[in-house]
Amino acid sequence: MSLALHESHTKAPGHTHPAQFPPAVQQESPRHPYYNANRNIADKIERWLGEDGHRAWGLVIYRSTYKSNTEWEKFMHRLLADTTESLESMAGPGLLDNLALTIFEDLERFDNASTTVIRDHFKQWVSTAILVEQGPEIDTIPLRAIRSQRYRYCIQITQEMVDSVLGGKSESMPIVRIIRRDWEEYSPYQDGFRLEDVEEPIEGCTLEDVGWMNVPFESVMFQTYSYLRGEWETEYRRPPWISCYP
């Protein structure tokens, strides 16, 4: 973020002098000479790991389609290749050593599962995973869990999303689904007035915020991961709209 330079004047006998301010300090990226450290996502991920006291990053993946193991392997190969390419573009391939590629596969539980089923499992996993992954020395666990994207959001992959990535249709953007862990159904009313329109039902929910959204497949483990450090409300778009453009 650039700082605006404000000019003020103080009176002196017969003339004025503009007040002098030093230029905003631009911290160069230690990885890439053409990027500011606040814009290089690899630098930001490394900084967040330090701020959170964590050693692992990356979004947890839920497989919700079991039509073809071959297609699934191709999908995952592309996801890892995309993540590697994104890291290399920001001179951060070393962060692959800290990338925890956690994938939940269960035909009976997760095949065509609703986002509620996935969210419930993710909540249960988060309750113990932070200690297992980040170490028993982690303190203030609820605060740390809320701050890290890894424990706030997960990815659900349906057959539609596999098709969007492997199908090669130019008119269809490859997408994946991001689910918010702490979403709960809320009342759209305040003081007897409805604050939002009644939307088309999605999994029976007519609220504006349904607790999940579609995001581009491209750079989901990198660019989207960075966006999700901020507020959900800033990035959220109700399906079928797509959020977090790379």
C-alpha atoms as a PDB file:
ATOM      1  CA  MET A   1       0.000   0.000   0.000  1.00  0.00           C
ATOM      2  CA  SER A   2       1.481   3.345  -0.985  1.00  0.00           C
ATOM      3  CA  LEU A   3       1.285   6.262   1.405  1.00  0.00           C
ATOM      4  CA  ALA A   4      -0.045   9.553   0.094  1.00  0.00           C
ATOM      5  CA  LEU A   5       2.410  12.428   0.470  1.00  0.00           C
ATOM      6  CA  HIS A   6       0.741  15.358   2.173  1.00  0.00           C
ATOM      7  CA  GLU A   7       2.133  18.842   1.756  1.00  0.00           C
ATOM      8  CA  SER A   8       1.666  21.477   4.445  1.00  0.00           C
ATOM      9  CA  HIS A   9       3.047  24.983   4.799  1.00  0.00           C
ATOM     10  CA  THR A  10       4.302  26.968   7.779  1.00  0.00           C
ATOM     11  CA  LYS A  11       4.663  30.712   7.669  1.00  0.00           C
ATOM     12  CA  ALA A  12       8.086  32.341   7.816  1.00  0.00           C
ATOM     13  CA  PRO A  13       8.963  35.986   7.300  1.00  0.00           C
ATOM     14  CA  GLY A  14       8.264  36.786   3.695  1.00  0.00           C
ATOM     15  CA  HIS A  15       7.940  33.230   2.343  1.00  0.00           C
ATOM     16  CA  THR A  16       6.706  29.726   3.029  1.00  0.00           C
ATOM     17  CA  HIS A  17       8.437  26.362   3.136  1.00  0.00           C
ATOM     18  CA  PRO A  18       6.723  23.082   2.254  1.00  0.00           C
ATOM     19  CA  ALA A  19       7.103  20.527   5.008  1.00  0.00           C
ATOM     20  CA  GLN A  20       9.344  17.669   3.995  1.00  0.00           C
ATOM     21  CA  PHE A  21       8.298  14.045   4.523  1.00  0.00           C
ATOM     22  CA  PRO A  22      10.488  11.030   3.807  1.00  0.00           C
ATOM     23  CA  PRO A  23       9.177   8.716   1.083  1.00  0.00           C
ATOM     24  CA  ALA A  24       7.304   5.603   2.132  1.00  0.00           C
ATOM     25  CA  VAL A  25       9.667   2.763   2.894  1.00  0.00           C
ATOM     26  CA  GLN A  26       9.401  -0.024   0.330  1.00  0.00           C
ATOM     27  CA  GLN A  27      10.667  -3.332   1.671  1.00  0.00           C
ATOM     28  CA  GLU A  28      12.159  -5.325  -1.164  1.00  0.00           C
ATOM     29  CA  SER A  29      11.350  -8.993  -1.466  1.00  0.00           C
ATOM     30  CA  PRO A  30      14.322 -11.148  -0.440  1.00  0.00           C
ATOM     31  CA  ARG A  31      13.225 -13.609  -3.129  1.00  0.00           C
ATOM     32  CA  HIS A  32      12.363 -11.475  -6.135  1.00  0.00           C
ATOM     33  CA  PRO A  33      13.997  -8.127  -7.028  1.00  0.00           C
ATOM     34  CA  TYR A  34      10.915  -6.882  -8.890  1.00  0.00           C
ATOM     35  CA  TYR A  35       8.425  -7.402  -6.058  1.00  0.00           C
ATOM     36  CA  ASN A  36       7.755  -5.635  -2.821  1.00  0.00           C
ATOM     37  CA  ALA A  37       7.761  -8.073   0.118  1.00  0.00           C
ATOM     38  CA  ASN A  38       4.132  -7.176   0.832  1.00  0.00           C
ATOM     39  CA  ARG A  39       3.135  -8.224  -2.689  1.00  0.00           C
ATOM     40  CA  ASN A  40       5.185 -11.380  -3.052  1.00  0.00           C
ATOM     41  CA  ILE A  41       2.879 -14.161  -1.895  1.00  0.00           C
ATOM     42  CA  ALA A  42       5.778 -16.497  -1.101  1.00  0.00           C
ATOM     43  CA  ASP A  43       7.164 -13.869   1.280  1.00  0.00           C
ATOM     44  CA  LYS A  44       3.731 -13.421   2.829  1.00  0.00           C
ATOM     45  CA  ILE A  45       3.215 -17.149   3.397  1.00  0.00           C
ATOM     46  CA  GLU A  46       6.612 -17.362   5.082  1.00  0.00           C
ATOM     47  CA  ARG A  47       5.752 -14.346   7.241  1.00  0.00           C
ATOM     48  CA  TRP A  48       2.376 -15.835   8.231  1.00  0.00           C
ATOM     49  CA  LEU A  49       4.027 -19.081   9.259  1.00  0.00           C
ATOM     50  CA  GLY A  50       6.228 -17.057  11.575  1.00  0.00           C
ATOM     51  CA  GLU A  51       3.371 -14.937  12.915  1.00  0.00           C
ATOM     52  CA  ASP A  52       1.245 -18.000  13.647  1.00  0.00           C
ATOM     53  CA  GLY A  53       4.103 -20.051  15.009  1.00  0.00           C
ATOM     54  CA  HIS A  54       3.340 -22.713  12.404  1.00  0.00           C
ATOM     55  CA  ARG A  55       5.480 -24.947  10.225  1.00  0.00           C
ATOM     56  CA  ALA A  56       2.814 -26.286   7.797  1.00  0.00           C
ATOM     57  CA  TRP A  57       0.575 -24.464   5.326  1.00  0.00           C
ATOM     58  CA  GLY A  58      -1.866 -25.358   2.536  1.00  0.00           C
ATOM     59  CA  LEU A  59      -5.585 -26.054   2.250  1.00  0.00           C
ATOM     60  CA  VAL A  60      -7.015 -29.459   3.185  1.00  0.00           C
ATOM     61  CA  ILE A  61      -8.689 -31.274   0.269  1.00  0.00           C
ATOM     62  CA  TYR A  62     -11.830 -33.424   0.356  1.00  0.00           C
ATOM     63  CA  ARG A  63     -12.423 -35.816  -2.521  1.00  0.00           C
ATOM     64  CA  SER A  64     -16.156 -35.974  -3.245  1.00  0.00           C
ATOM     65  CA  THR A  65     -16.054 -37.848  -6.537  1.00  0.00           C
ATOM     66  CA  TYR A  66     -15.025 -41.465  -7.132  1.00  0.00           C
ATOM     67  CA  LYS A  67     -16.016 -41.903 -10.758  1.00  0.00           C
ATOM     68  CA  SER A  68     -12.443 -42.449 -11.957  1.00  0.00           C
ATOM     69  CA  ASN A  69      -9.186 -42.877 -10.068  1.00  0.00           C
ATOM     70  CA  THR A  70      -7.284 -42.044 -13.243  1.00  0.00           C
ATOM     71  CA  GLU A  71      -9.055 -38.699 -13.560  1.00  0.00           C
ATOM     72  CA  TRP A  72      -8.466 -37.994  -9.896  1.00  0.00           C
ATOM     73  CA  GLU A  73      -4.742 -38.669 -10.229  1.00  0.00           C
ATOM     74  CA  LYS A  74      -4.581 -36.352 -13.259  1.00  0.00           C
ATOM     75  CA  PHE A  75      -6.453 -33.677 -11.334  1.00  0.00           C
ATOM     76  CA  MET A  76      -4.095 -33.889  -8.352  1.00  0.00           C
ATOM     77  CA  HIS A  77      -1.066 -33.886 -10.652  1.00  0.00           C
ATOM     78  CA  ARG A  78      -2.286 -30.636 -12.215  1.00  0.00           C
ATOM     79  CA  LEU A  79      -2.976 -29.118  -8.804  1.00  0.00           C
ATOM     80  CA  LEU A  80       0.536 -29.841  -7.563  1.00  0.00           C
ATOM     81  CA  ALA A  81       2.072 -28.662 -10.847  1.00  0.00           C
ATOM     82  CA  ASP A  82       0.060 -25.427 -10.667  1.00  0.00           C
ATOM     83  CA  THR A  83       1.137 -24.852  -7.060  1.00  0.00           C
ATOM     84  CA  THR A  84       4.783 -25.533  -7.896  1.00  0.00           C
ATOM     85  CA  GLU A  85       4.656 -23.173 -10.881  1.00  0.00           C
ATOM     86  CA  SER A  86       3.039 -20.447  -8.768  1.00  0.00           C
ATOM     87  CA  LEU A  87       5.721 -20.762  -6.090  1.00  0.00           C
ATOM     88  CA  GLU A  88       8.505 -20.701  -8.667  1.00  0.00           C
ATOM     89  CA  SER A  89       7.075 -17.530 -10.222  1.00  0.00           C
ATOM     90  CA  MET A  90       7.574 -15.821  -6.862  1.00  0.00           C
ATOM     91  CA  ALA A  91      10.957 -17.483  -6.266  1.00  0.00           C
ATOM     92  CA  GLY A  92       9.552 -19.498  -3.371  1.00  0.00           C
ATOM     93  CA  PRO A  93       9.909 -23.202  -4.312  1.00  0.00           C
ATOM     94  CA  GLY A  94      11.454 -23.869  -0.896  1.00  0.00           C
ATOM     95  CA  LEU A  95       7.994 -23.447   0.624  1.00  0.00           C
ATOM     96  CA  LEU A  96       7.032 -26.764  -0.945  1.00  0.00           C
ATOM     97  CA  ASP A  97       8.884 -28.357   1.963  1.00  0.00           C
ATOM     98  CA  ASN A  98       6.280 -26.814   4.301  1.00  0.00           C
ATOM     99  CA  LEU A  99       3.253 -27.518   2.093  1.00  0.00           C
ATOM    100  CA  ALA A 100       1.064 -30.090   3.842  1.00  0.00           C
ATOM    101  CA  LEU A 101      -1.016 -31.698   1.092  1.00  0.00           C
ATOM    102  CA  THR A 102      -3.705 -33.306   3.264  1.00  0.00           C
ATOM    103  CA  ILE A 103      -6.361 -35.224   1.299  1.00  0.00           C
ATOM    104  CA  PHE A 104      -9.404 -36.944   2.769  1.00  0.00           C
ATOM    105  CA  GLU A 105     -10.813 -39.787   0.689  1.00  0.00           C
ATOM    106  CA  ASP A 106     -13.758 -41.925   1.812  1.00  0.00           C
ATOM    107  CA  LEU A 107     -16.215 -43.293  -0.737  1.00  0.00           C
ATOM    108  CA  GLU A 108     -18.978 -43.963   1.784  1.00  0.00           C
ATOM    109  CA  ARG A 109     -18.701 -40.663   3.660  1.00  0.00           C
ATOM    110  CA  PHE A 110     -17.632 -38.107   1.075  1.00  0.00           C
ATOM    111  CA  ASP A 111     -18.928 -39.248  -2.327  1.00  0.00           C
ATOM    112  CA  ASN A 112     -21.329 -36.466  -3.462  1.00  0.00           C
ATOM    113  CA  ALA A 113     -21.341 -35.239   0.148  1.00  0.00           C
ATOM    114  CA  SER A 114     -23.032 -31.992   1.107  1.00  0.00           C
ATOM    115  CA  THR A 115     -20.937 -29.081   2.334  1.00  0.00           C
ATOM    116  CA  THR A 116     -22.447 -29.666   5.782  1.00  0.00           C
ATOM    117  CA  VAL A 117     -20.968 -33.170   5.940  1.00  0.00           C
ATOM    118  CA  ILE A 118     -17.567 -31.879   4.811  1.00  0.00           C
ATOM    119  CA  ARG A 119     -17.660 -28.950   7.243  1.00  0.00           C
ATOM    120  CA  ASP A 120     -18.531 -31.171  10.199  1.00  0.00           C
ATOM    121  CA  HIS A 121     -15.616 -33.477   9.469  1.00  0.00           C
ATOM    122  CA  PHE A 122     -13.260 -30.541   8.904  1.00  0.00           C
ATOM    123  CA  LYS A 123     -14.224 -29.029  12.265  1.00  0.00           C
ATOM    124  CA  GLN A 124     -13.487 -32.308  13.987  1.00  0.00           C
ATOM    125  CA  TRP A 125     -10.140 -32.618  12.217  1.00  0.00           C
ATOM    126  CA  VAL A 126      -9.097 -29.046  13.063  1.00  0.00           C
ATOM    127  CA  SER A 127      -9.768 -29.617  16.768  1.00  0.00           C
ATOM    128  CA  THR A 128      -6.743 -31.919  17.009  1.00  0.00           C
ATOM    129  CA  ALA A 129      -4.737 -31.298  13.822  1.00  0.00           C
ATOM    130  CA  ILE A 130      -3.128 -28.060  14.927  1.00  0.00           C
ATOM    131  CA  LEU A 131      -1.284 -29.795  17.768  1.00  0.00           C
ATOM    132  CA  VAL A 132      -0.287 -32.744  15.595  1.00  0.00           C
ATOM    133  CA  GLU A 133       0.925 -30.600  12.679  1.00  0.00           C
ATOM    134  CA  GLN A 134       2.343 -27.526  14.365  1.00  0.00           C
ATOM    135  CA  GLY A 135       3.712 -29.062  17.553  1.00  0.00           C
ATOM    136  CA  PRO A 136       2.650 -29.244  21.208  1.00  0.00           C
ATOM    137  CA  GLU A 137       4.456 -25.999  21.992  1.00  0.00           C
ATOM    138  CA  ILE A 138       1.707 -24.067  20.191  1.00  0.00           C
ATOM    139  CA  ASP A 139      -0.215 -21.955  22.689  1.00  0.00           C
ATOM    140  CA  THR A 140      -3.431 -19.929  22.415  1.00  0.00           C
ATOM    141  CA  ILE A 141      -4.762 -22.601  20.067  1.00  0.00           C
ATOM    142  CA  PRO A 142      -8.177 -21.067  19.239  1.00  0.00           C
ATOM    143  CA  LEU A 143      -6.582 -17.769  18.181  1.00  0.00           C
ATOM    144  CA  ARG A 144      -3.926 -19.476  16.089  1.00  0.00           C
ATOM    145  CA  ALA A 145      -6.473 -21.767  14.461  1.00  0.00           C
ATOM    146  CA  ILE A 146      -8.709 -18.848  13.506  1.00  0.00           C
ATOM    147  CA  ARG A 147      -5.834 -16.865  12.028  1.00  0.00           C
ATOM    148  CA  SER A 148      -4.366 -19.536   9.746  1.00  0.00           C
ATOM    149  CA  GLN A 149      -6.132 -20.208   6.456  1.00  0.00           C
ATOM    150  CA  ARG A 150      -5.270 -23.893   6.812  1.00  0.00           C
ATOM    151  CA  TYR A 151      -7.651 -24.252   9.734  1.00  0.00           C
ATOM    152  CA  ARG A 152     -10.321 -21.821   8.556  1.00  0.00           C
ATOM    153  CA  TYR A 153     -11.074 -23.188   5.078  1.00  0.00           C
ATOM    154  CA  CYS A 154     -10.951 -26.441   3.136  1.00  0.00           C
ATOM    155  CA  ILE A 155     -11.368 -27.473  -0.511  1.00  0.00           C
ATOM    156  CA  GLN A 156     -14.076 -29.809  -1.757  1.00  0.00           C
ATOM    157  CA  ILE A 157     -13.640 -31.420  -5.176  1.00  0.00           C
ATOM    158  CA  THR A 158     -16.751 -32.711  -6.954  1.00  0.00           C
ATOM    159  CA  GLN A 159     -16.986 -34.414 -10.350  1.00  0.00           C
ATOM    160  CA  GLU A 160     -18.129 -31.129 -11.867  1.00  0.00           C
ATOM    161  CA  MET A 161     -14.857 -29.570 -10.749  1.00  0.00           C
ATOM    162  CA  VAL A 162     -12.727 -32.421 -12.017  1.00  0.00           C
ATOM    163  CA  ASP A 163     -14.494 -32.070 -15.385  1.00  0.00           C
ATOM    164  CA  SER A 164     -13.910 -28.308 -15.398  1.00  0.00           C
ATOM    165  CA  VAL A 165     -10.160 -28.835 -14.937  1.00  0.00           C
ATOM    166  CA  LEU A 166      -9.658 -31.835 -17.223  1.00  0.00           C
ATOM    167  CA  GLY A 167     -12.375 -31.132 -19.791  1.00  0.00           C
ATOM    168  CA  GLY A 168     -10.498 -28.439 -21.650  1.00  0.00           C
ATOM    169  CA  LYS A 169     -13.590 -26.386 -22.470  1.00  0.00           C
ATOM    170  CA  SER A 170     -12.418 -22.853 -23.130  1.00  0.00           C
ATOM    171  CA  GLU A 171     -15.781 -21.340 -22.180  1.00  0.00           C
ATOM    172  CA  SER A 172     -15.758 -23.012 -18.760  1.00  0.00           C
ATOM    173  CA  MET A 173     -13.404 -21.709 -16.086  1.00  0.00           C
ATOM    174  CA  PRO A 174     -11.796 -24.516 -14.049  1.00  0.00           C
ATOM    175  CA  ILE A 175     -13.028 -24.170 -10.472  1.00  0.00           C
ATOM    176  CA  VAL A 176     -12.881 -25.730  -7.025  1.00  0.00           C
ATOM    177  CA  ARG A 177     -15.029 -25.197  -3.940  1.00  0.00           C
ATOM    178  CA  ILE A 178     -13.892 -23.418  -0.777  1.00  0.00           C
ATOM    179  CA  ILE A 179     -15.814 -24.210   2.438  1.00  0.00           C
ATOM    180  CA  ARG A 180     -15.713 -21.963   5.484  1.00  0.00           C
ATOM    181  CA  ARG A 181     -15.247 -23.897   8.724  1.00  0.00           C
ATOM    182  CA  ASP A 182     -17.012 -21.574  11.159  1.00  0.00           C
ATOM    183  CA  TRP A 183     -20.074 -20.737   9.022  1.00  0.00           C
ATOM    184  CA  GLU A 184     -23.435 -21.154  10.675  1.00  0.00           C
ATOM    185  CA  GLU A 185     -26.928 -20.473   9.385  1.00  0.00           C
ATOM    186  CA  TYR A 186     -28.003 -17.009  10.482  1.00  0.00           C
ATOM    187  CA  SER A 187     -31.190 -14.986  10.660  1.00  0.00           C
ATOM    188  CA  PRO A 188     -31.641 -12.522   7.775  1.00  0.00           C
ATOM    189  CA  TYR A 189     -33.996 -10.429   9.930  1.00  0.00           C
ATOM    190  CA  GLN A 190     -33.277  -7.512  12.200  1.00  0.00           C
ATOM    191  CA  ASP A 191     -35.983  -5.684  14.125  1.00  0.00           C
ATOM    192  CA  GLY A 192     -38.603  -7.452  12.044  1.00  0.00           C
ATOM    193  CA  PHE A 193     -37.108  -6.425   8.687  1.00  0.00           C
ATOM    194  CA  ARG A 194     -35.381  -8.772   6.264  1.00  0.00           C
ATOM    195  CA  LEU A 195     -31.964  -7.397   5.390  1.00  0.00           C
ATOM    196  CA  GLU A 196     -31.350  -9.511   2.285  1.00  0.00           C
ATOM    197  CA  ASP A 197     -33.334 -11.035  -0.557  1.00  0.00           C
ATOM    198  CA  VAL A 198     -34.596 -14.596  -0.540  1.00  0.00           C
ATOM    199  CA  GLU A 199     -32.157 -16.390  -2.848  1.00  0.00           C
ATOM    200  CA  GLU A 200     -32.535 -19.520  -4.911  1.00  0.00           C
ATOM    201  CA  PRO A 201     -32.007 -22.471  -2.554  1.00  0.00           C
ATOM    202  CA  ILE A 202     -28.565 -24.092  -2.496  1.00  0.00           C
ATOM    203  CA  GLU A 203     -28.574 -27.285  -0.460  1.00  0.00           C
ATOM    204  CA  GLY A 204     -31.834 -25.952   0.967  1.00  0.00           C
ATOM    205  CA  CYS A 205     -30.304 -22.618   2.047  1.00  0.00           C
ATOM    206  CA  THR A 206     -31.889 -19.386   0.745  1.00  0.00           C
ATOM    207  CA  LEU A 207     -29.484 -17.040   2.556  1.00  0.00           C
ATOM    208  CA  GLU A 208     -27.072 -14.782   0.683  1.00  0.00           C
ATOM    209  CA  ASP A 209     -24.081 -16.383   2.422  1.00  0.00           C
ATOM    210  CA  VAL A 210     -24.221 -20.182   2.142  1.00  0.00           C
ATOM    211  CA  GLY A 211     -20.814 -20.809   3.719  1.00  0.00           C
ATOM    212  CA  TRP A 212     -18.970 -21.883   0.582  1.00  0.00           C
ATOM    213  CA  MET A 213     -17.961 -20.438  -2.751  1.00  0.00           C
ATOM    214  CA  ASN A 214     -16.445 -21.350  -6.091  1.00  0.00           C
ATOM    215  CA  VAL A 215     -12.919 -20.115  -6.798  1.00  0.00           C
ATOM    216  CA  PRO A 216     -10.614 -20.564  -9.792  1.00  0.00           C
ATOM    217  CA  PHE A 217      -8.568 -23.755  -9.875  1.00  0.00           C
ATOM    218  CA  GLU A 218      -5.567 -21.777 -11.064  1.00  0.00           C
ATOM    219  CA  SER A 219      -3.325 -20.901  -8.128  1.00  0.00           C
ATOM    220  CA  VAL A 220      -5.905 -21.979  -5.526  1.00  0.00           C
ATOM    221  CA  MET A 221      -3.149 -23.146  -3.177  1.00  0.00           C
ATOM    222  CA  PHE A 222      -1.287 -19.879  -3.659  1.00  0.00           C
ATOM    223  CA  GLN A 223      -3.218 -16.812  -4.810  1.00  0.00           C
ATOM    224  CA  THR A 224      -6.534 -17.855  -3.268  1.00  0.00           C
ATOM    225  CA  TYR A 225      -4.719 -18.957  -0.105  1.00  0.00           C
ATOM    226  CA  SER A 226      -3.379 -15.407   0.134  1.00  0.00           C
ATOM    227  CA  TYR A 227      -6.794 -13.795  -0.400  1.00  0.00           C
ATOM    228  CA  LEU A 228      -8.292 -15.926   2.352  1.00  0.00           C
ATOM    229  CA  ARG A 229      -5.986 -14.397   4.938  1.00  0.00           C
ATOM    230  CA  GLY A 230      -8.426 -11.487   4.875  1.00  0.00           C
ATOM    231  CA  GLU A 231     -12.134 -11.374   5.627  1.00  0.00           C
ATOM    232  CA  TRP A 232     -14.538 -13.913   4.130  1.00  0.00           C
ATOM    233  CA  GLU A 233     -17.084 -11.178   3.450  1.00  0.00           C
ATOM    234  CA  THR A 234     -14.601  -9.369   1.193  1.00  0.00           C
ATOM    235  CA  GLU A 235     -13.997 -12.320  -1.129  1.00  0.00           C
ATOM    236  CA  TYR A 236     -17.337 -14.154  -0.916  1.00  0.00           C
ATOM    237  CA  ARG A 237     -19.541 -14.493  -3.993  1.00  0.00           C
ATOM    238  CA  ARG A 238     -22.687 -16.608  -3.855  1.00  0.00           C
ATOM    239  CA  PRO A 239     -22.556 -19.657  -6.140  1.00  0.00           C
ATOM    240  CA  PRO A 240     -22.653 -20.021  -9.057  1.00  0.00           C
ATOM    241  CA  TRP A 241     -20.561 -16.822  -9.189  1.00  0.00           C
ATOM    242  CA  ILE A 242     -16.796 -17.275  -8.923  1.00  0.00           C
ATOM    243  CA  SER A 243     -14.661 -15.407  -6.412  1.00  0.00           C
ATOM    244  CA  CYS A 244     -10.931 -14.797  -5.826  1.00  0.00           C
ATOM    245  CA  TYR A 245      -9.847 -14.309  -9.426  1.00  0.00           C
ATOM    246  CA  PRO A 246      -6.105 -14.935  -9.813  1.00  0.00           C
END
